[in-house]
Amino acid sequence: MRVRKADSSLLAPAGETLDVTAYWRRRENEGDVVITALPKVKTRTDKGEA
């Protein structure tokens, strides 16, 4: 299935990072897309080093 974005371009099959708007909520309610949270990105912290 191909899903169009609000600007008429196609949503990437693997998904994209987009702002959740009323447009995407409607697509989700119709079963066209699944909205998920972004995976947490681990950041390196240098604890204990002075």
PDB file of N, CA and C in Angstrom:
ATOM      1  N   MET A   1       0.843  -1.162   0.000  1.00  0.00           N
ATOM      2  CA  MET A   1       0.000   0.000   0.000  1.00  0.00           C
ATOM      3  C   MET A   1       0.899   1.239   0.000  1.00  0.00           C
ATOM      4  N   ARG A   2       0.536   2.217  -0.769  1.00  0.00           N
ATOM      5  CA  ARG A   2       1.241   3.492  -0.770  1.00  0.00           C
ATOM      6  C   ARG A   2       0.358   4.532  -0.101  1.00  0.00           C
ATOM      7  N   VAL A   3       0.964   5.314   0.771  1.00  0.00           N
ATOM      8  CA  VAL A   3       0.225   6.332   1.513  1.00  0.00           C
ATOM      9  C   VAL A   3       0.805   7.692   1.147  1.00  0.00           C
ATOM     10  N   ARG A   4      -0.070   8.607   0.831  1.00  0.00           N
ATOM     11  CA  ARG A   4       0.369   9.964   0.484  1.00  0.00           C
ATOM     12  C   ARG A   4       0.416  10.833   1.732  1.00  0.00           C
ATOM     13  N   LYS A   5       1.435  11.678   1.770  1.00  0.00           N
ATOM     14  CA  LYS A   5       1.548  12.668   2.837  1.00  0.00           C
ATOM     15  C   LYS A   5       0.636  13.847   2.487  1.00  0.00           C
ATOM     16  N   ALA A   6       0.471  14.753   3.413  1.00  0.00           N
ATOM     17  CA  ALA A   6      -0.407  15.910   3.204  1.00  0.00           C
ATOM     18  C   ALA A   6       0.034  16.755   2.013  1.00  0.00           C
ATOM     19  N   ASP A   7       1.345  16.733   1.688  1.00  0.00           N
ATOM     20  CA  ASP A   7       1.842  17.513   0.546  1.00  0.00           C
ATOM     21  C   ASP A   7       1.772  16.735  -0.774  1.00  0.00           C
ATOM     22  N   SER A   8       1.131  15.589  -0.784  1.00  0.00           N
ATOM     23  CA  SER A   8       0.909  14.718  -1.944  1.00  0.00           C
ATOM     24  C   SER A   8       2.104  13.845  -2.313  1.00  0.00           C
ATOM     25  N   SER A   9       3.245  13.967  -1.618  1.00  0.00           N
ATOM     26  CA  SER A   9       4.347  13.045  -1.874  1.00  0.00           C
ATOM     27  C   SER A   9       4.055  11.732  -1.152  1.00  0.00           C
ATOM     28  N   LEU A  10       4.778  10.682  -1.520  1.00  0.00           N
ATOM     29  CA  LEU A  10       4.528   9.370  -0.935  1.00  0.00           C
ATOM     30  C   LEU A  10       5.327   9.163   0.341  1.00  0.00           C
ATOM     31  N   LEU A  11       4.702   8.532   1.308  1.00  0.00           N
ATOM     32  CA  LEU A  11       5.365   8.151   2.543  1.00  0.00           C
ATOM     33  C   LEU A  11       6.315   7.007   2.222  1.00  0.00           C
ATOM     34  N   ALA A  12       7.527   7.049   2.772  1.00  0.00           N
ATOM     35  CA  ALA A  12       8.502   5.983   2.548  1.00  0.00           C
ATOM     36  C   ALA A  12       7.959   4.672   3.118  1.00  0.00           C
ATOM     37  N   PRO A  13       8.093   3.563   2.390  1.00  0.00           N
ATOM     38  CA  PRO A  13       7.580   2.274   2.882  1.00  0.00           C
ATOM     39  C   PRO A  13       8.160   1.871   4.242  1.00  0.00           C
ATOM     40  N   ALA A  14       9.403   2.251   4.510  1.00  0.00           N
ATOM     41  CA  ALA A  14      10.035   1.897   5.782  1.00  0.00           C
ATOM     42  C   ALA A  14       9.629   2.844   6.905  1.00  0.00           C
ATOM     43  N   GLY A  15       8.927   3.925   6.565  1.00  0.00           N
ATOM     44  CA  GLY A  15       8.498   4.897   7.564  1.00  0.00           C
ATOM     45  C   GLY A  15       9.360   6.138   7.534  1.00  0.00           C
ATOM     46  N   GLU A  16       8.872   7.175   8.162  1.00  0.00           N
ATOM     47  CA  GLU A  16       9.565   8.450   8.223  1.00  0.00           C
ATOM     48  C   GLU A  16       9.269   9.119   9.552  1.00  0.00           C
ATOM     49  N   THR A  17      10.121  10.044   9.923  1.00  0.00           N
ATOM     50  CA  THR A  17       9.877  10.865  11.099  1.00  0.00           C
ATOM     51  C   THR A  17       9.094  12.086  10.650  1.00  0.00           C
ATOM     52  N   LEU A  18       7.878  12.205  11.148  1.00  0.00           N
ATOM     53  CA  LEU A  18       6.993  13.305  10.774  1.00  0.00           C
ATOM     54  C   LEU A  18       6.292  13.833  12.016  1.00  0.00           C
ATOM     55  N   ASP A  19       5.826  15.058  11.937  1.00  0.00           N
ATOM     56  CA  ASP A  19       5.005  15.608  13.008  1.00  0.00           C
ATOM     57  C   ASP A  19       3.637  14.933  12.974  1.00  0.00           C
ATOM     58  N   VAL A  20       3.123  14.589  14.150  1.00  0.00           N
ATOM     59  CA  VAL A  20       1.795  13.980  14.222  1.00  0.00           C
ATOM     60  C   VAL A  20       0.766  15.104  14.178  1.00  0.00           C
ATOM     61  N   THR A  21      -0.009  15.121  13.120  1.00  0.00           N
ATOM     62  CA  THR A  21      -1.043  16.130  12.926  1.00  0.00           C
ATOM     63  C   THR A  21      -2.391  15.440  12.801  1.00  0.00           C
ATOM     64  N   ALA A  22      -3.430  16.229  12.667  1.00  0.00           N
ATOM     65  CA  ALA A  22      -4.765  15.671  12.470  1.00  0.00           C
ATOM     66  C   ALA A  22      -4.798  14.807  11.210  1.00  0.00           C
ATOM     67  N   TYR A  23      -4.041  15.198  10.200  1.00  0.00           N
ATOM     68  CA  TYR A  23      -3.968  14.400   8.955  1.00  0.00           C
ATOM     69  C   TYR A  23      -3.495  12.976   9.261  1.00  0.00           C
ATOM     70  N   TRP A  24      -2.420  12.845  10.047  1.00  0.00           N
ATOM     71  CA  TRP A  24      -1.877  11.519  10.350  1.00  0.00           C
ATOM     72  C   TRP A  24      -2.770  10.752  11.311  1.00  0.00           C
ATOM     73  N   ARG A  25      -3.442  11.451  12.201  1.00  0.00           N
ATOM     74  CA  ARG A  25      -4.394  10.763  13.085  1.00  0.00           C
ATOM     75  C   ARG A  25      -5.540  10.158  12.272  1.00  0.00           C
ATOM     76  N   ARG A  26      -6.001  10.880  11.245  1.00  0.00           N
ATOM     77  CA  ARG A  26      -7.048  10.331  10.369  1.00  0.00           C
ATOM     78  C   ARG A  26      -6.542   9.099   9.628  1.00  0.00           C
ATOM     79  N   ARG A  27      -5.309   9.167   9.109  1.00  0.00           N
ATOM     80  CA  ARG A  27      -4.722   8.015   8.407  1.00  0.00           C
ATOM     81  C   ARG A  27      -4.601   6.828   9.354  1.00  0.00           C
ATOM     82  N   GLU A  28      -4.223   7.104  10.609  1.00  0.00           N
ATOM     83  CA  GLU A  28      -4.110   6.037  11.599  1.00  0.00           C
ATOM     84  C   GLU A  28      -5.480   5.425  11.889  1.00  0.00           C
ATOM     85  N   ASN A  29      -6.495   6.253  12.069  1.00  0.00           N
ATOM     86  CA  ASN A  29      -7.851   5.763  12.346  1.00  0.00           C
ATOM     87  C   ASN A  29      -8.407   4.929  11.203  1.00  0.00           C
ATOM     88  N   GLU A  30      -7.986   5.229   9.971  1.00  0.00           N
ATOM     89  CA  GLU A  30      -8.432   4.471   8.806  1.00  0.00           C
ATOM     90  C   GLU A  30      -7.604   3.209   8.584  1.00  0.00           C
ATOM     91  N   GLY A  31      -6.550   3.021   9.388  1.00  0.00           N
ATOM     92  CA  GLY A  31      -5.720   1.830   9.271  1.00  0.00           C
ATOM     93  C   GLY A  31      -4.640   1.923   8.202  1.00  0.00           C
ATOM     94  N   ASP A  32      -4.402   3.118   7.683  1.00  0.00           N
ATOM     95  CA  ASP A  32      -3.412   3.296   6.627  1.00  0.00           C
ATOM     96  C   ASP A  32      -1.987   3.353   7.162  1.00  0.00           C
ATOM     97  N   VAL A  33      -1.801   3.846   8.374  1.00  0.00           N
ATOM     98  CA  VAL A  33      -0.473   3.976   8.974  1.00  0.00           C
ATOM     99  C   VAL A  33      -0.529   3.549  10.438  1.00  0.00           C
ATOM    100  N   VAL A  34       0.642   3.291  10.995  1.00  0.00           N
ATOM    101  CA  VAL A  34       0.777   3.012  12.419  1.00  0.00           C
ATOM    102  C   VAL A  34       1.736   4.055  12.962  1.00  0.00           C
ATOM    103  N   ILE A  35       1.287   4.818  13.938  1.00  0.00           N
ATOM    104  CA  ILE A  35       2.125   5.844  14.542  1.00  0.00           C
ATOM    105  C   ILE A  35       2.823   5.230  15.744  1.00  0.00           C
ATOM    106  N   THR A  36       4.154   5.339  15.752  1.00  0.00           N
ATOM    107  CA  THR A  36       4.941   4.790  16.851  1.00  0.00           C
ATOM    108  C   THR A  36       5.849   5.871  17.415  1.00  0.00           C
ATOM    109  N   ALA A  37       6.316   5.641  18.624  1.00  0.00           N
ATOM    110  CA  ALA A  37       7.281   6.560  19.235  1.00  0.00           C
ATOM    111  C   ALA A  37       8.650   6.299  18.634  1.00  0.00           C
ATOM    112  N   LEU A  38       9.473   7.334  18.614  1.00  0.00           N
ATOM    113  CA  LEU A  38      10.833   7.172  18.135  1.00  0.00           C
ATOM    114  C   LEU A  38      11.618   6.330  19.127  1.00  0.00           C
ATOM    115  N   PRO A  39      12.511   5.477  18.630  1.00  0.00           N
ATOM    116  CA  PRO A  39      13.348   4.719  19.571  1.00  0.00           C
ATOM    117  C   PRO A  39      14.291   5.664  20.303  1.00  0.00           C
ATOM    118  N   LYS A  40      14.547   5.351  21.553  1.00  0.00           N
ATOM    119  CA  LYS A  40      15.449   6.186  22.337  1.00  0.00           C
ATOM    120  C   LYS A  40      16.874   6.002  21.818  1.00  0.00           C
ATOM    121  N   VAL A  41      17.567   7.099  21.702  1.00  0.00           N
ATOM    122  CA  VAL A  41      18.950   7.070  21.244  1.00  0.00           C
ATOM    123  C   VAL A  41      19.850   7.162  22.467  1.00  0.00           C
ATOM    124  N   LYS A  42      20.733   6.187  22.614  1.00  0.00           N
ATOM    125  CA  LYS A  42      21.642   6.210  23.747  1.00  0.00           C
ATOM    126  C   LYS A  42      22.760   7.202  23.456  1.00  0.00           C
ATOM    127  N   THR A  43      23.032   8.005  24.456  1.00  0.00           N
ATOM    128  CA  THR A  43      24.138   8.950  24.333  1.00  0.00           C
ATOM    129  C   THR A  43      25.240   8.516  25.260  1.00  0.00           C
ATOM    130  N   ARG A  44      26.443   8.725  24.835  1.00  0.00           N
ATOM    131  CA  ARG A  44      27.594   8.329  25.648  1.00  0.00           C
ATOM    132  C   ARG A  44      27.883   9.413  26.675  1.00  0.00           C
ATOM    133  N   THR A  45      27.985   8.999  27.911  1.00  0.00           N
ATOM    134  CA  THR A  45      28.359   9.937  28.971  1.00  0.00           C
ATOM    135  C   THR A  45      29.656   9.449  29.586  1.00  0.00           C
ATOM    136  N   ASP A  46      30.553  10.343  29.802  1.00  0.00           N
ATOM    137  CA  ASP A  46      31.850  10.015  30.386  1.00  0.00           C
ATOM    138  C   ASP A  46      31.823  10.314  31.875  1.00  0.00           C
ATOM    139  N   LYS A  47      31.208   9.461  32.629  1.00  0.00           N
ATOM    140  CA  LYS A  47      31.133   9.643  34.088  1.00  0.00           C
ATOM    141  C   LYS A  47      32.444   9.203  34.724  1.00  0.00           C
ATOM    142  N   GLY A  48      32.846   9.929  35.713  1.00  0.00           N
ATOM    143  CA  GLY A  48      34.033   9.563  36.462  1.00  0.00           C
ATOM    144  C   GLY A  48      35.323  10.115  35.898  1.00  0.00           C
ATOM    145  N   GLU A  49      35.259  10.726  34.744  1.00  0.00           N
ATOM    146  CA  GLU A  49      36.463  11.327  34.184  1.00  0.00           C
ATOM    147  C   GLU A  49      36.515  12.791  34.561  1.00  0.00           C
ATOM    148  N   ALA A  50      37.679  13.250  34.985  1.00  0.00           N
ATOM    149  CA  ALA A  50      37.825  14.648  35.408  1.00  0.00           C
ATOM    150  C   ALA A  50      38.479  15.495  34.356  1.00  0.00           C
TER     151      ALA A  50
END
